[in-house]
Amino acid sequence: MTQLKVTVGGAIEEDASNRFVRAWHRAELGETFAERHLAFESWDALARVLTAKRMEVLSHVRRHNVTSIRALAQALKRDYSNVHADVQALSAAGLLDTRSGKLSADYDTIDTRIAI
């Protein structure tokens, strides 16, 4: 299972620094690993990006081979311009990959840690 780790709030810079140091030590030991991590400054910032409709987009893209935004909008029975805006927001946040000419979400779960 591929996992995307998301941190919300707290000491984001310190957390990133600690992850870097741990990765450095793992690399020194010869470990091979891949880790994806995103950080949002607050719950509001995450909630603005990860709406219910956008979760629907991510879920559909993860389960299906989606070659275009138009095809995605048709599959979800939603307006093209709204789906296009959702795809752009998810891509800008690092949650959706659009670089290969198709849409992809190459993770199975989003593991979220929220500082209170």
C-alpha atoms as a PDB file:
ATOM      1  CA  MET A   1       0.000   0.000   0.000  1.00  0.00           C
ATOM      2  CA  THR A   2       1.339   3.397  -0.974  1.00  0.00           C
ATOM      3  CA  GLN A   3       0.801   6.177   1.535  1.00  0.00           C
ATOM      4  CA  LEU A   4       0.819   9.953   1.377  1.00  0.00           C
ATOM      5  CA  LYS A   5       1.596  11.622   4.690  1.00  0.00           C
ATOM      6  CA  VAL A   6      -0.002  14.987   5.432  1.00  0.00           C
ATOM      7  CA  THR A   7       0.874  17.218   8.361  1.00  0.00           C
ATOM      8  CA  VAL A   8      -1.467  20.012   9.397  1.00  0.00           C
ATOM      9  CA  GLY A   9      -0.282  22.856  11.624  1.00  0.00           C
ATOM     10  CA  GLY A  10       2.281  22.578  14.354  1.00  0.00           C
ATOM     11  CA  ALA A  11       5.982  23.032  13.824  1.00  0.00           C
ATOM     12  CA  ILE A  12       6.048  22.233  10.105  1.00  0.00           C
ATOM     13  CA  GLU A  13       9.655  23.349   9.573  1.00  0.00           C
ATOM     14  CA  GLU A  14      10.926  21.373  12.553  1.00  0.00           C
ATOM     15  CA  ASP A  15       8.995  18.299  11.419  1.00  0.00           C
ATOM     16  CA  ALA A  16      10.465  18.607   7.908  1.00  0.00           C
ATOM     17  CA  SER A  17      13.958  18.949   9.345  1.00  0.00           C
ATOM     18  CA  ASN A  18      13.466  15.829  11.496  1.00  0.00           C
ATOM     19  CA  ARG A  19      12.185  13.850   8.482  1.00  0.00           C
ATOM     20  CA  PHE A  20      15.235  14.938   6.490  1.00  0.00           C
ATOM     21  CA  VAL A  21      17.635  13.815   9.223  1.00  0.00           C
ATOM     22  CA  ARG A  22      15.862  10.439   9.565  1.00  0.00           C
ATOM     23  CA  ALA A  23      15.993   9.971   5.776  1.00  0.00           C
ATOM     24  CA  TRP A  24      19.687  10.851   5.752  1.00  0.00           C
ATOM     25  CA  HIS A  25      20.434   8.228   8.416  1.00  0.00           C
ATOM     26  CA  ARG A  26      18.379   5.599   6.586  1.00  0.00           C
ATOM     27  CA  ALA A  27      20.283   6.354   3.388  1.00  0.00           C
ATOM     28  CA  GLU A  28      23.612   6.062   5.226  1.00  0.00           C
ATOM     29  CA  LEU A  29      22.539   2.583   6.348  1.00  0.00           C
ATOM     30  CA  GLY A  30      21.864   1.680   2.729  1.00  0.00           C
ATOM     31  CA  GLU A  31      18.104   1.511   3.092  1.00  0.00           C
ATOM     32  CA  THR A  32      16.009   2.116   0.019  1.00  0.00           C
ATOM     33  CA  PHE A  33      12.794   3.986   0.685  1.00  0.00           C
ATOM     34  CA  ALA A  34      10.329   6.370  -0.864  1.00  0.00           C
ATOM     35  CA  GLU A  35       8.292   8.748   1.221  1.00  0.00           C
ATOM     36  CA  ARG A  36       5.807  11.406   0.176  1.00  0.00           C
ATOM     37  CA  HIS A  37       4.858  14.131   2.571  1.00  0.00           C
ATOM     38  CA  LEU A  38       2.763  17.297   2.276  1.00  0.00           C
ATOM     39  CA  ALA A  39       2.280  20.014   4.870  1.00  0.00           C
ATOM     40  CA  PHE A  40      -0.574  22.467   5.336  1.00  0.00           C
ATOM     41  CA  GLU A  41      -0.273  25.430   7.675  1.00  0.00           C
ATOM     42  CA  SER A  42      -3.720  24.933   9.222  1.00  0.00           C
ATOM     43  CA  TRP A  43      -6.890  22.863   9.179  1.00  0.00           C
ATOM     44  CA  ASP A  44      -8.565  25.641   7.177  1.00  0.00           C
ATOM     45  CA  ALA A  45      -5.856  25.413   4.506  1.00  0.00           C
ATOM     46  CA  LEU A  46      -6.335  21.653   4.186  1.00  0.00           C
ATOM     47  CA  ALA A  47     -10.139  21.932   4.220  1.00  0.00           C
ATOM     48  CA  ARG A  48     -10.049  24.511   1.397  1.00  0.00           C
ATOM     49  CA  VAL A  49      -8.159  22.024  -0.781  1.00  0.00           C
ATOM     50  CA  LEU A  50      -9.586  18.668   0.268  1.00  0.00           C
ATOM     51  CA  THR A  51     -13.345  19.115  -0.120  1.00  0.00           C
ATOM     52  CA  ALA A  52     -15.833  16.255  -0.486  1.00  0.00           C
ATOM     53  CA  LYS A  53     -16.032  16.741  -4.266  1.00  0.00           C
ATOM     54  CA  ARG A  54     -12.244  16.753  -4.556  1.00  0.00           C
ATOM     55  CA  MET A  55     -12.023  13.557  -2.510  1.00  0.00           C
ATOM     56  CA  GLU A  56     -14.449  12.083  -5.045  1.00  0.00           C
ATOM     57  CA  VAL A  57     -12.069  13.177  -7.828  1.00  0.00           C
ATOM     58  CA  LEU A  58      -9.064  11.597  -6.072  1.00  0.00           C
ATOM     59  CA  SER A  59     -10.914   8.372  -5.406  1.00  0.00           C
ATOM     60  CA  HIS A  60     -12.097   8.056  -9.006  1.00  0.00           C
ATOM     61  CA  VAL A  61      -8.671   8.864 -10.445  1.00  0.00           C
ATOM     62  CA  ARG A  62      -7.041   6.326  -8.124  1.00  0.00           C
ATOM     63  CA  ARG A  63      -9.406   3.534  -9.227  1.00  0.00           C
ATOM     64  CA  HIS A  64      -9.643   4.318 -12.964  1.00  0.00           C
ATOM     65  CA  ASN A  65      -7.390   5.181 -15.883  1.00  0.00           C
ATOM     66  CA  VAL A  66      -8.366   8.816 -16.474  1.00  0.00           C
ATOM     67  CA  THR A  67      -6.958  10.363 -19.639  1.00  0.00           C
ATOM     68  CA  SER A  68      -8.599  13.791 -19.524  1.00  0.00           C
ATOM     69  CA  ILE A  69     -10.509  16.199 -17.335  1.00  0.00           C
ATOM     70  CA  ARG A  70     -13.437  16.009 -19.750  1.00  0.00           C
ATOM     71  CA  ALA A  71     -13.605  12.211 -19.342  1.00  0.00           C
ATOM     72  CA  LEU A  72     -13.393  12.637 -15.569  1.00  0.00           C
ATOM     73  CA  ALA A  73     -16.223  15.199 -15.547  1.00  0.00           C
ATOM     74  CA  GLN A  74     -18.390  12.873 -17.634  1.00  0.00           C
ATOM     75  CA  ALA A  75     -17.661   9.881 -15.397  1.00  0.00           C
ATOM     76  CA  LEU A  76     -18.529  11.890 -12.279  1.00  0.00           C
ATOM     77  CA  LYS A  77     -21.555  13.514 -13.967  1.00  0.00           C
ATOM     78  CA  ARG A  78     -20.255  16.967 -13.039  1.00  0.00           C
ATOM     79  CA  ASP A  79     -19.734  20.238 -14.868  1.00  0.00           C
ATOM     80  CA  TYR A  80     -16.409  20.357 -16.740  1.00  0.00           C
ATOM     81  CA  SER A  81     -15.356  23.769 -15.391  1.00  0.00           C
ATOM     82  CA  ASN A  82     -15.924  22.707 -11.771  1.00  0.00           C
ATOM     83  CA  VAL A  83     -13.960  19.475 -12.249  1.00  0.00           C
ATOM     84  CA  HIS A  84     -11.205  21.423 -14.024  1.00  0.00           C
ATOM     85  CA  ALA A  85     -10.948  23.804 -11.040  1.00  0.00           C
ATOM     86  CA  ASP A  86     -10.843  20.820  -8.655  1.00  0.00           C
ATOM     87  CA  VAL A  87      -8.085  19.131 -10.673  1.00  0.00           C
ATOM     88  CA  GLN A  88      -6.030  22.334 -10.705  1.00  0.00           C
ATOM     89  CA  ALA A  89      -6.413  22.821  -6.932  1.00  0.00           C
ATOM     90  CA  LEU A  90      -5.483  19.198  -6.184  1.00  0.00           C
ATOM     91  CA  SER A  91      -2.529  19.356  -8.555  1.00  0.00           C
ATOM     92  CA  ALA A  92      -1.261  22.636  -7.066  1.00  0.00           C
ATOM     93  CA  ALA A  93      -1.434  21.093  -3.582  1.00  0.00           C
ATOM     94  CA  GLY A  94       0.552  18.036  -4.686  1.00  0.00           C
ATOM     95  CA  LEU A  95      -2.363  15.618  -4.291  1.00  0.00           C
ATOM     96  CA  LEU A  96      -2.893  14.877  -7.999  1.00  0.00           C
ATOM     97  CA  ASP A  97      -0.329  14.371 -10.754  1.00  0.00           C
ATOM     98  CA  THR A  98      -1.167  15.791 -14.181  1.00  0.00           C
ATOM     99  CA  ARG A  99       2.331  15.844 -15.693  1.00  0.00           C
ATOM    100  CA  SER A 100       2.176  12.595 -17.670  1.00  0.00           C
ATOM    101  CA  GLY A 101      -0.674  13.752 -19.911  1.00  0.00           C
ATOM    102  CA  LYS A 102      -3.162  11.847 -17.802  1.00  0.00           C
ATOM    103  CA  LEU A 103      -4.425  12.205 -14.253  1.00  0.00           C
ATOM    104  CA  SER A 104      -2.990  10.043 -11.483  1.00  0.00           C
ATOM    105  CA  ALA A 105      -3.011   9.690  -7.724  1.00  0.00           C
ATOM    106  CA  ASP A 106      -0.290   7.156  -6.968  1.00  0.00           C
ATOM    107  CA  TYR A 107      -1.167   6.483  -3.333  1.00  0.00           C
ATOM    108  CA  ASP A 108      -3.802   4.343  -1.622  1.00  0.00           C
ATOM    109  CA  THR A 109      -4.173   6.247   1.637  1.00  0.00           C
ATOM    110  CA  ILE A 110      -3.724   9.731   3.018  1.00  0.00           C
ATOM    111  CA  ASP A 111      -2.304   9.523   6.537  1.00  0.00           C
ATOM    112  CA  THR A 112      -3.026  12.865   8.215  1.00  0.00           C
ATOM    113  CA  ARG A 113      -1.528  14.231  11.417  1.00  0.00           C
ATOM    114  CA  ILE A 114      -3.247  17.348  12.738  1.00  0.00           C
ATOM    115  CA  ALA A 115      -1.636  19.453  15.456  1.00  0.00           C
ATOM    116  CA  ILE A 116      -4.093  21.007  17.901  1.00  0.00           C
END
